[in-house]
Amino acid sequence: MFDRFRTRYNWDQANDEAIREGFENVLKRRFADIMSDYRKESTKKARVAGHDFPDDRLDFEAMRKFPPRFVHLDVWDKLCMERALGWPPTFRELFLATHLTKESKKDFWDGLFDESLEGAEFCTTRSRLAYEAYERSMVEKYREDVLLHPVGDADLWERAQGRSGFGIGSSDPCHVSSLMARHHHPGLRPMLTSSAHKSRYYYK
């Protein structure tokens, strides 16, 4: 963001560090208000599209599809998922949230599938094959006990998808992986229960 700011204004490069520090301090002070405005804008778009927000609570599942101005859809999608889940989404959660059918996605968040996802329906054959390729690669590299798998392996994801990065939009997989690593113990993989999911998908 600072790089974009510096393209609009000119100053003596000797003052670059002080100006960056001032820019970041202003941004920190305004961050809460900026995000509040973003949530309001996203909520308004979602309501116009026909989504109902009971008791004026924010439904991040609905808001994911309605990014505010100047925020890329992929970025907004991950922000909403992180707020809803209480942690940055794993590769698995991010992929399944965007590639399962509506019915299977609901069952997944309600905790009705085990790790095998037997019976889940994907939006496309390519989505299903991509997921299966990544899961096979995880088992081959980290063995069959999924509780010992890391929450995300960016290199393995790219190799499993033939370096295409399919399934995570324009996101940088290394960035997604680093976000998850800061919030998860490497030996733990977050699991959702119905009650946990439903309580976390709203914010008041």
C-alpha atoms as a PDB file:
ATOM      1  CA  MET A   1       0.000   0.000   0.000  1.00  0.00           C
ATOM      2  CA  PHE A   2       2.876   2.364   0.762  1.00  0.00           C
ATOM      3  CA  ASP A   3       4.336   1.638  -2.690  1.00  0.00           C
ATOM      4  CA  ARG A   4       1.067   2.809  -4.239  1.00  0.00           C
ATOM      5  CA  PHE A   5       1.078   5.887  -2.012  1.00  0.00           C
ATOM      6  CA  ARG A   6       4.577   6.869  -3.125  1.00  0.00           C
ATOM      7  CA  THR A   7       3.536   6.835  -6.789  1.00  0.00           C
ATOM      8  CA  ARG A   8       1.132   9.709  -6.073  1.00  0.00           C
ATOM      9  CA  TYR A   9       3.479  11.963  -4.104  1.00  0.00           C
ATOM     10  CA  ASN A  10       7.107  13.043  -4.316  1.00  0.00           C
ATOM     11  CA  TRP A  11       9.529  13.701  -1.447  1.00  0.00           C
ATOM     12  CA  ASP A  12      13.197  13.726  -0.655  1.00  0.00           C
ATOM     13  CA  GLN A  13      14.337  10.091  -0.482  1.00  0.00           C
ATOM     14  CA  ALA A  14      16.336  10.966   2.623  1.00  0.00           C
ATOM     15  CA  ASN A  15      12.994  11.247   4.408  1.00  0.00           C
ATOM     16  CA  ASP A  16      11.655   7.957   3.082  1.00  0.00           C
ATOM     17  CA  GLU A  17      11.903   6.010   6.339  1.00  0.00           C
ATOM     18  CA  ALA A  18      10.244   8.752   8.412  1.00  0.00           C
ATOM     19  CA  ILE A  19       7.411   9.133   5.883  1.00  0.00           C
ATOM     20  CA  ARG A  20       6.838   5.368   5.795  1.00  0.00           C
ATOM     21  CA  GLU A  21       6.640   5.285   9.580  1.00  0.00           C
ATOM     22  CA  GLY A  22       4.141   8.155   9.591  1.00  0.00           C
ATOM     23  CA  PHE A  23       2.093   6.482   6.861  1.00  0.00           C
ATOM     24  CA  GLU A  24       1.914   3.205   8.811  1.00  0.00           C
ATOM     25  CA  ASN A  25       0.963   5.004  12.035  1.00  0.00           C
ATOM     26  CA  VAL A  26      -1.925   6.785  10.303  1.00  0.00           C
ATOM     27  CA  LEU A  27      -3.036   3.524   8.735  1.00  0.00           C
ATOM     28  CA  LYS A  28      -2.996   1.770  12.114  1.00  0.00           C
ATOM     29  CA  ARG A  29      -5.160   4.496  13.634  1.00  0.00           C
ATOM     30  CA  ARG A  30      -7.645   4.338  10.785  1.00  0.00           C
ATOM     31  CA  PHE A  31      -7.625   0.571  10.263  1.00  0.00           C
ATOM     32  CA  ALA A  32     -10.631  -0.212  12.471  1.00  0.00           C
ATOM     33  CA  ASP A  33     -12.739   2.466  10.782  1.00  0.00           C
ATOM     34  CA  ILE A  34     -11.628   1.354   7.317  1.00  0.00           C
ATOM     35  CA  MET A  35     -12.563  -2.266   8.007  1.00  0.00           C
ATOM     36  CA  SER A  36     -15.878  -1.188   9.510  1.00  0.00           C
ATOM     37  CA  ASP A  37     -16.682   0.752   6.332  1.00  0.00           C
ATOM     38  CA  TYR A  38     -15.650  -2.260   4.231  1.00  0.00           C
ATOM     39  CA  ARG A  39     -17.964  -4.554   6.195  1.00  0.00           C
ATOM     40  CA  LYS A  40     -20.862  -2.113   5.805  1.00  0.00           C
ATOM     41  CA  GLU A  41     -20.283  -1.848   2.059  1.00  0.00           C
ATOM     42  CA  SER A  42     -20.056  -5.612   1.662  1.00  0.00           C
ATOM     43  CA  THR A  43     -23.195  -6.104   3.760  1.00  0.00           C
ATOM     44  CA  LYS A  44     -25.115  -3.590   1.653  1.00  0.00           C
ATOM     45  CA  LYS A  45     -24.119  -5.366  -1.566  1.00  0.00           C
ATOM     46  CA  ALA A  46     -25.120  -8.726  -0.081  1.00  0.00           C
ATOM     47  CA  ARG A  47     -28.526  -7.406   1.006  1.00  0.00           C
ATOM     48  CA  VAL A  48     -29.165  -5.910  -2.423  1.00  0.00           C
ATOM     49  CA  ALA A  49     -28.420  -9.353  -3.867  1.00  0.00           C
ATOM     50  CA  GLY A  50     -31.115 -10.836  -1.621  1.00  0.00           C
ATOM     51  CA  HIS A  51     -29.231 -12.060   1.436  1.00  0.00           C
ATOM     52  CA  ASP A  52     -30.957 -11.680   4.786  1.00  0.00           C
ATOM     53  CA  PHE A  53     -28.921 -10.847   7.877  1.00  0.00           C
ATOM     54  CA  PRO A  54     -30.909 -11.961  10.969  1.00  0.00           C
ATOM     55  CA  ASP A  55     -30.817  -9.555  13.919  1.00  0.00           C
ATOM     56  CA  ASP A  56     -28.450  -7.299  11.938  1.00  0.00           C
ATOM     57  CA  ARG A  57     -25.584  -9.745  12.481  1.00  0.00           C
ATOM     58  CA  LEU A  58     -22.864  -9.911   9.831  1.00  0.00           C
ATOM     59  CA  ASP A  59     -22.989 -13.132   7.841  1.00  0.00           C
ATOM     60  CA  PHE A  60     -19.428 -13.590   6.627  1.00  0.00           C
ATOM     61  CA  GLU A  61     -20.397 -16.592   4.515  1.00  0.00           C
ATOM     62  CA  ALA A  62     -22.653 -14.328   2.433  1.00  0.00           C
ATOM     63  CA  MET A  63     -20.289 -11.355   2.532  1.00  0.00           C
ATOM     64  CA  ARG A  64     -17.400 -13.378   1.067  1.00  0.00           C
ATOM     65  CA  LYS A  65     -18.840 -12.940  -2.425  1.00  0.00           C
ATOM     66  CA  PHE A  66     -19.278  -9.169  -2.176  1.00  0.00           C
ATOM     67  CA  PRO A  67     -15.927  -7.409  -1.759  1.00  0.00           C
ATOM     68  CA  PRO A  68     -15.873  -3.652  -1.148  1.00  0.00           C
ATOM     69  CA  ARG A  69     -14.275  -1.312  -3.653  1.00  0.00           C
ATOM     70  CA  PHE A  70     -10.515  -1.520  -4.047  1.00  0.00           C
ATOM     71  CA  VAL A  71     -10.346  -4.961  -2.352  1.00  0.00           C
ATOM     72  CA  HIS A  72      -9.689  -7.968  -4.574  1.00  0.00           C
ATOM     73  CA  LEU A  73     -12.231 -10.793  -4.316  1.00  0.00           C
ATOM     74  CA  ASP A  74      -9.573 -13.345  -3.304  1.00  0.00           C
ATOM     75  CA  VAL A  75      -8.326 -11.095  -0.500  1.00  0.00           C
ATOM     76  CA  TRP A  76     -11.830 -10.347   0.793  1.00  0.00           C
ATOM     77  CA  ASP A  77     -12.773 -14.015   0.603  1.00  0.00           C
ATOM     78  CA  LYS A  78      -9.864 -15.015   2.859  1.00  0.00           C
ATOM     79  CA  LEU A  79     -10.510 -12.136   5.270  1.00  0.00           C
ATOM     80  CA  CYS A  80     -14.140 -13.201   5.694  1.00  0.00           C
ATOM     81  CA  MET A  81     -13.190 -16.830   6.151  1.00  0.00           C
ATOM     82  CA  GLU A  82     -10.562 -15.933   8.725  1.00  0.00           C
ATOM     83  CA  ARG A  83     -13.053 -13.827  10.699  1.00  0.00           C
ATOM     84  CA  ALA A  84     -15.677 -16.564  10.478  1.00  0.00           C
ATOM     85  CA  LEU A  85     -13.388 -19.431  11.441  1.00  0.00           C
ATOM     86  CA  GLY A  86     -11.267 -17.633  13.983  1.00  0.00           C
ATOM     87  CA  TRP A  87      -8.087 -18.569  12.103  1.00  0.00           C
ATOM     88  CA  PRO A  88      -6.677 -18.103   8.585  1.00  0.00           C
ATOM     89  CA  PRO A  89      -8.249 -20.768   6.329  1.00  0.00           C
ATOM     90  CA  THR A  90      -6.106 -23.734   5.408  1.00  0.00           C
ATOM     91  CA  PHE A  91      -5.593 -24.744   1.790  1.00  0.00           C
ATOM     92  CA  ARG A  92      -8.188 -27.435   2.313  1.00  0.00           C
ATOM     93  CA  GLU A  93     -10.802 -25.103   3.823  1.00  0.00           C
ATOM     94  CA  LEU A  94     -10.208 -22.384   1.236  1.00  0.00           C
ATOM     95  CA  PHE A  95     -10.425 -24.827  -1.652  1.00  0.00           C
ATOM     96  CA  LEU A  96     -13.511 -26.662  -0.411  1.00  0.00           C
ATOM     97  CA  ALA A  97     -15.314 -23.423   0.438  1.00  0.00           C
ATOM     98  CA  THR A  98     -15.088 -22.379  -3.205  1.00  0.00           C
ATOM     99  CA  HIS A  99     -15.305 -25.699  -5.052  1.00  0.00           C
ATOM    100  CA  LEU A 100     -17.930 -27.825  -3.291  1.00  0.00           C
ATOM    101  CA  THR A 101     -21.563 -27.604  -4.313  1.00  0.00           C
ATOM    102  CA  LYS A 102     -23.798 -25.530  -2.055  1.00  0.00           C
ATOM    103  CA  GLU A 103     -25.259 -28.604  -0.346  1.00  0.00           C
ATOM    104  CA  SER A 104     -21.910 -30.338   0.190  1.00  0.00           C
ATOM    105  CA  LYS A 105     -20.300 -27.125   1.403  1.00  0.00           C
ATOM    106  CA  LYS A 106     -22.985 -26.784   4.084  1.00  0.00           C
ATOM    107  CA  ASP A 107     -22.443 -30.407   5.150  1.00  0.00           C
ATOM    108  CA  PHE A 108     -18.678 -29.834   5.277  1.00  0.00           C
ATOM    109  CA  TRP A 109     -18.975 -26.801   7.560  1.00  0.00           C
ATOM    110  CA  ASP A 110     -21.511 -28.648   9.699  1.00  0.00           C
ATOM    111  CA  GLY A 111     -18.902 -31.357  10.302  1.00  0.00           C
ATOM    112  CA  LEU A 112     -20.786 -34.115   8.487  1.00  0.00           C
ATOM    113  CA  PHE A 113     -17.792 -35.295   6.428  1.00  0.00           C
ATOM    114  CA  ASP A 114     -14.677 -37.021   7.666  1.00  0.00           C
ATOM    115  CA  GLU A 115     -11.231 -36.399   6.176  1.00  0.00           C
ATOM    116  CA  SER A 116     -12.026 -38.587   3.172  1.00  0.00           C
ATOM    117  CA  LEU A 117     -14.965 -36.342   2.133  1.00  0.00           C
ATOM    118  CA  GLU A 118     -16.745 -39.485   0.950  1.00  0.00           C
ATOM    119  CA  GLY A 119     -20.049 -38.489  -0.648  1.00  0.00           C
ATOM    120  CA  ALA A 120     -19.126 -34.829  -1.130  1.00  0.00           C
ATOM    121  CA  GLU A 121     -19.965 -33.296  -4.504  1.00  0.00           C
ATOM    122  CA  PHE A 122     -17.658 -30.836  -6.254  1.00  0.00           C
ATOM    123  CA  CYS A 123     -18.760 -28.116  -8.651  1.00  0.00           C
ATOM    124  CA  THR A 124     -16.628 -29.564 -11.450  1.00  0.00           C
ATOM    125  CA  THR A 125     -14.689 -32.722 -12.221  1.00  0.00           C
ATOM    126  CA  ARG A 126     -11.514 -30.669 -12.355  1.00  0.00           C
ATOM    127  CA  SER A 127     -12.130 -29.459  -8.795  1.00  0.00           C
ATOM    128  CA  ARG A 128     -12.589 -33.008  -7.530  1.00  0.00           C
ATOM    129  CA  LEU A 129      -9.455 -34.258  -9.286  1.00  0.00           C
ATOM    130  CA  ALA A 130      -7.422 -31.308  -7.991  1.00  0.00           C
ATOM    131  CA  TYR A 131      -8.483 -31.999  -4.406  1.00  0.00           C
ATOM    132  CA  GLU A 132      -7.775 -35.710  -4.712  1.00  0.00           C
ATOM    133  CA  ALA A 133      -4.328 -35.022  -6.182  1.00  0.00           C
ATOM    134  CA  TYR A 134      -3.365 -32.767  -3.262  1.00  0.00           C
ATOM    135  CA  GLU A 135      -4.670 -35.176  -0.625  1.00  0.00           C
ATOM    136  CA  ARG A 136      -2.787 -38.079  -2.224  1.00  0.00           C
ATOM    137  CA  SER A 137       0.379 -36.001  -2.245  1.00  0.00           C
ATOM    138  CA  MET A 138      -0.079 -35.108   1.439  1.00  0.00           C
ATOM    139  CA  VAL A 139      -0.455 -38.782   2.375  1.00  0.00           C
ATOM    140  CA  GLU A 140       2.564 -39.774   0.288  1.00  0.00           C
ATOM    141  CA  LYS A 141       4.745 -37.118   1.915  1.00  0.00           C
ATOM    142  CA  TYR A 142       3.433 -37.087   5.488  1.00  0.00           C
ATOM    143  CA  ARG A 143       1.931 -40.601   5.791  1.00  0.00           C
ATOM    144  CA  GLU A 144      -1.674 -41.516   6.509  1.00  0.00           C
ATOM    145  CA  ASP A 145      -2.203 -39.935   9.926  1.00  0.00           C
ATOM    146  CA  VAL A 146      -3.820 -36.623   8.900  1.00  0.00           C
ATOM    147  CA  LEU A 147      -3.385 -35.217  12.416  1.00  0.00           C
ATOM    148  CA  LEU A 148       0.347 -35.094  11.735  1.00  0.00           C
ATOM    149  CA  HIS A 149      -0.052 -33.256   8.438  1.00  0.00           C
ATOM    150  CA  PRO A 150       0.920 -29.566   8.326  1.00  0.00           C
ATOM    151  CA  VAL A 151      -1.924 -27.117   7.749  1.00  0.00           C
ATOM    152  CA  GLY A 152      -0.554 -26.209   4.344  1.00  0.00           C
ATOM    153  CA  ASP A 153       2.301 -27.167   2.031  1.00  0.00           C
ATOM    154  CA  ALA A 154       2.628 -24.543  -0.719  1.00  0.00           C
ATOM    155  CA  ASP A 155       5.250 -26.434  -2.735  1.00  0.00           C
ATOM    156  CA  LEU A 156       3.265 -29.645  -2.555  1.00  0.00           C
ATOM    157  CA  TRP A 157       0.091 -27.843  -3.618  1.00  0.00           C
ATOM    158  CA  GLU A 158       1.787 -26.393  -6.687  1.00  0.00           C
ATOM    159  CA  ARG A 159       3.316 -29.720  -7.640  1.00  0.00           C
ATOM    160  CA  ALA A 160      -0.001 -31.511  -7.213  1.00  0.00           C
ATOM    161  CA  GLN A 161      -1.671 -28.959  -9.500  1.00  0.00           C
ATOM    162  CA  GLY A 162       1.084 -28.992 -12.077  1.00  0.00           C
ATOM    163  CA  ARG A 163       2.349 -25.553 -10.959  1.00  0.00           C
ATOM    164  CA  SER A 164      -0.954 -24.013 -12.086  1.00  0.00           C
ATOM    165  CA  GLY A 165      -2.045 -22.960  -8.592  1.00  0.00           C
ATOM    166  CA  PHE A 166      -5.560 -24.085  -9.491  1.00  0.00           C
ATOM    167  CA  GLY A 167      -8.090 -23.701  -6.728  1.00  0.00           C
ATOM    168  CA  ILE A 168      -6.770 -20.690  -4.838  1.00  0.00           C
ATOM    169  CA  GLY A 169      -7.467 -17.966  -7.366  1.00  0.00           C
ATOM    170  CA  SER A 170      -4.779 -15.331  -7.768  1.00  0.00           C
ATOM    171  CA  SER A 171      -3.543 -15.854  -4.207  1.00  0.00           C
ATOM    172  CA  ASP A 172       0.111 -16.484  -3.572  1.00  0.00           C
ATOM    173  CA  PRO A 173       0.175 -19.973  -2.007  1.00  0.00           C
ATOM    174  CA  CYS A 174       3.351 -19.163  -0.065  1.00  0.00           C
ATOM    175  CA  HIS A 175       1.585 -16.161   1.469  1.00  0.00           C
ATOM    176  CA  VAL A 176      -1.429 -18.281   2.423  1.00  0.00           C
ATOM    177  CA  SER A 177       0.870 -20.875   3.943  1.00  0.00           C
ATOM    178  CA  SER A 178       2.816 -18.312   5.968  1.00  0.00           C
ATOM    179  CA  LEU A 179      -0.397 -16.826   7.338  1.00  0.00           C
ATOM    180  CA  MET A 180      -1.540 -20.226   8.516  1.00  0.00           C
ATOM    181  CA  ALA A 181       1.822 -21.068  10.042  1.00  0.00           C
ATOM    182  CA  ARG A 182       1.644 -18.036  12.316  1.00  0.00           C
ATOM    183  CA  HIS A 183      -1.670 -19.200  13.765  1.00  0.00           C
ATOM    184  CA  HIS A 184      -1.287 -22.996  13.923  1.00  0.00           C
ATOM    185  CA  HIS A 185       0.969 -25.456  15.614  1.00  0.00           C
ATOM    186  CA  PRO A 186       2.602 -27.457  12.770  1.00  0.00           C
ATOM    187  CA  GLY A 187       1.283 -30.707  14.200  1.00  0.00           C
ATOM    188  CA  LEU A 188      -2.338 -29.623  14.455  1.00  0.00           C
ATOM    189  CA  ARG A 189      -4.997 -29.442  11.809  1.00  0.00           C
ATOM    190  CA  PRO A 190      -8.139 -27.456  12.666  1.00  0.00           C
ATOM    191  CA  MET A 191     -11.422 -29.310  12.554  1.00  0.00           C
ATOM    192  CA  LEU A 192     -14.887 -27.822  12.709  1.00  0.00           C
ATOM    193  CA  THR A 193     -17.948 -28.968  14.577  1.00  0.00           C
ATOM    194  CA  SER A 194     -21.461 -27.868  13.774  1.00  0.00           C
ATOM    195  CA  SER A 195     -21.810 -25.677  16.872  1.00  0.00           C
ATOM    196  CA  ALA A 196     -18.387 -24.075  16.427  1.00  0.00           C
ATOM    197  CA  HIS A 197     -19.037 -23.283  12.812  1.00  0.00           C
ATOM    198  CA  LYS A 198     -22.449 -21.787  13.310  1.00  0.00           C
ATOM    199  CA  SER A 199     -21.325 -19.548  16.173  1.00  0.00           C
ATOM    200  CA  ARG A 200     -18.281 -18.269  14.301  1.00  0.00           C
ATOM    201  CA  TYR A 201     -20.040 -17.400  11.086  1.00  0.00           C
ATOM    202  CA  TYR A 202     -21.730 -14.367  12.558  1.00  0.00           C
ATOM    203  CA  TYR A 203     -20.375 -11.208  14.097  1.00  0.00           C
ATOM    204  CA  LYS A 204     -22.295  -8.546  15.941  1.00  0.00           C
END
